[in-house]
Amino acid sequence: MYRIILEKPAEKFFRKLDKKEQERIGKKILELENNPELGKPLTANLSGLRSLRIGKYRIIYKIDKKIVTIFILDMGHRKDIYD
């Protein structure tokens, strides 16, 4: 089981969401504990990262298999997150 760490930008965005969205995204984040490769691998300048789709939102994260940890680097609306 992987440990999950929310980085500041992801945490800041998460706190701004309403309770219903927080619950929905929170459940998906917890799924990563047992299935870290749930999201799709990213390419180009985001190579090495993965993106998890949750409706209109995306979570950008990195898996560190050596320390069995997932770092959630950022999350946001699909039109803004990759900028």
Protein backbone atom coordinates (compact mmCIF):
# COMPACT_ATOMS: atom_id res chain seq x y z
CA MET A 1 0.00 0.00 0.00
CA TYR A 2 1.37 3.38 -1.03
CA ARG A 3 1.52 6.44 1.17
CA ILE A 4 -0.01 9.58 -0.35
CA ILE A 5 1.39 13.07 0.11
CA LEU A 6 -0.46 16.17 -1.12
CA GLU A 7 1.88 18.95 -2.15
CA LYS A 8 0.86 22.57 -1.39
CA PRO A 9 -0.69 23.46 -4.80
CA ALA A 10 -2.86 20.32 -4.73
CA GLU A 11 -3.89 20.88 -1.13
CA LYS A 12 -4.78 24.52 -1.83
CA PHE A 13 -7.01 23.58 -4.78
CA PHE A 14 -8.63 20.73 -2.83
CA ARG A 15 -9.61 23.01 0.05
CA LYS A 16 -11.39 25.40 -2.33
CA LEU A 17 -13.73 22.67 -3.60
CA ASP A 18 -17.17 22.11 -2.14
CA LYS A 19 -17.71 19.16 0.18
CA LYS A 20 -19.29 16.94 -2.50
CA GLU A 21 -16.35 17.41 -4.90
CA GLN A 22 -13.86 16.86 -2.06
CA GLU A 23 -15.50 13.52 -1.24
CA ARG A 24 -15.51 12.40 -4.88
CA ILE A 25 -11.88 13.37 -5.46
CA GLY A 26 -10.85 12.02 -2.04
CA LYS A 27 -12.25 8.58 -2.87
CA LYS A 28 -10.32 8.50 -6.15
CA ILE A 29 -7.11 9.56 -4.39
CA LEU A 30 -7.55 6.71 -1.89
CA GLU A 31 -7.83 4.26 -4.81
CA LEU A 32 -4.25 5.22 -5.70
CA GLU A 33 -3.00 3.64 -2.45
CA ASN A 34 -3.62 0.17 -3.86
CA ASN A 35 -3.42 0.94 -7.57
CA PRO A 36 -0.84 3.71 -8.11
CA GLU A 37 -0.80 3.30 -11.88
CA LEU A 38 -4.51 4.08 -12.18
CA GLY A 39 -3.81 7.35 -14.01
CA LYS A 40 -2.36 7.62 -17.49
CA PRO A 41 1.33 8.38 -18.03
CA LEU A 42 2.09 11.87 -19.31
CA THR A 43 4.58 12.75 -22.05
CA ALA A 44 6.82 15.59 -23.24
CA ASN A 45 7.71 18.08 -20.49
CA LEU A 46 5.52 16.15 -18.01
CA SER A 47 7.22 12.82 -18.68
CA GLY A 48 7.54 10.72 -15.52
CA LEU A 49 4.26 12.03 -14.14
CA ARG A 50 0.76 10.61 -14.33
CA SER A 51 -2.69 12.17 -14.68
CA LEU A 52 -5.81 10.86 -12.99
CA ARG A 53 -9.14 11.93 -14.48
CA ILE A 54 -12.06 12.69 -12.16
CA GLY A 55 -14.84 14.24 -14.21
CA LYS A 56 -13.73 17.74 -15.20
CA TYR A 57 -10.76 17.66 -12.83
CA ARG A 58 -7.28 16.20 -13.22
CA ILE A 59 -4.75 15.15 -10.61
CA ILE A 60 -1.07 15.27 -11.56
CA TYR A 61 1.04 12.90 -9.50
CA LYS A 62 4.37 11.12 -9.30
CA ILE A 63 5.05 7.60 -8.04
CA ASP A 64 8.21 6.92 -6.04
CA LYS A 65 8.47 3.14 -5.88
CA LYS A 66 11.64 3.21 -3.76
CA ILE A 67 9.88 4.80 -0.81
CA VAL A 68 6.40 3.47 -1.72
CA THR A 69 4.93 6.97 -1.91
CA ILE A 70 2.68 8.90 -4.28
CA PHE A 71 3.22 12.64 -4.47
CA ILE A 72 0.15 14.52 -5.65
CA LEU A 73 1.81 17.55 -7.18
CA ASP A 74 -1.21 19.48 -8.42
CA MET A 75 -4.88 19.23 -9.24
CA GLY A 76 -7.23 21.45 -11.14
CA HIS A 77 -9.75 21.86 -13.92
CA ARG A 78 -8.84 19.97 -17.08
CA LYS A 79 -8.50 23.16 -19.16
CA ASP A 80 -6.00 24.75 -16.75
CA ILE A 81 -3.95 21.96 -15.21
CA TYR A 82 -1.47 21.30 -18.03
CA ASP A 83 -0.41 24.96 -18.48
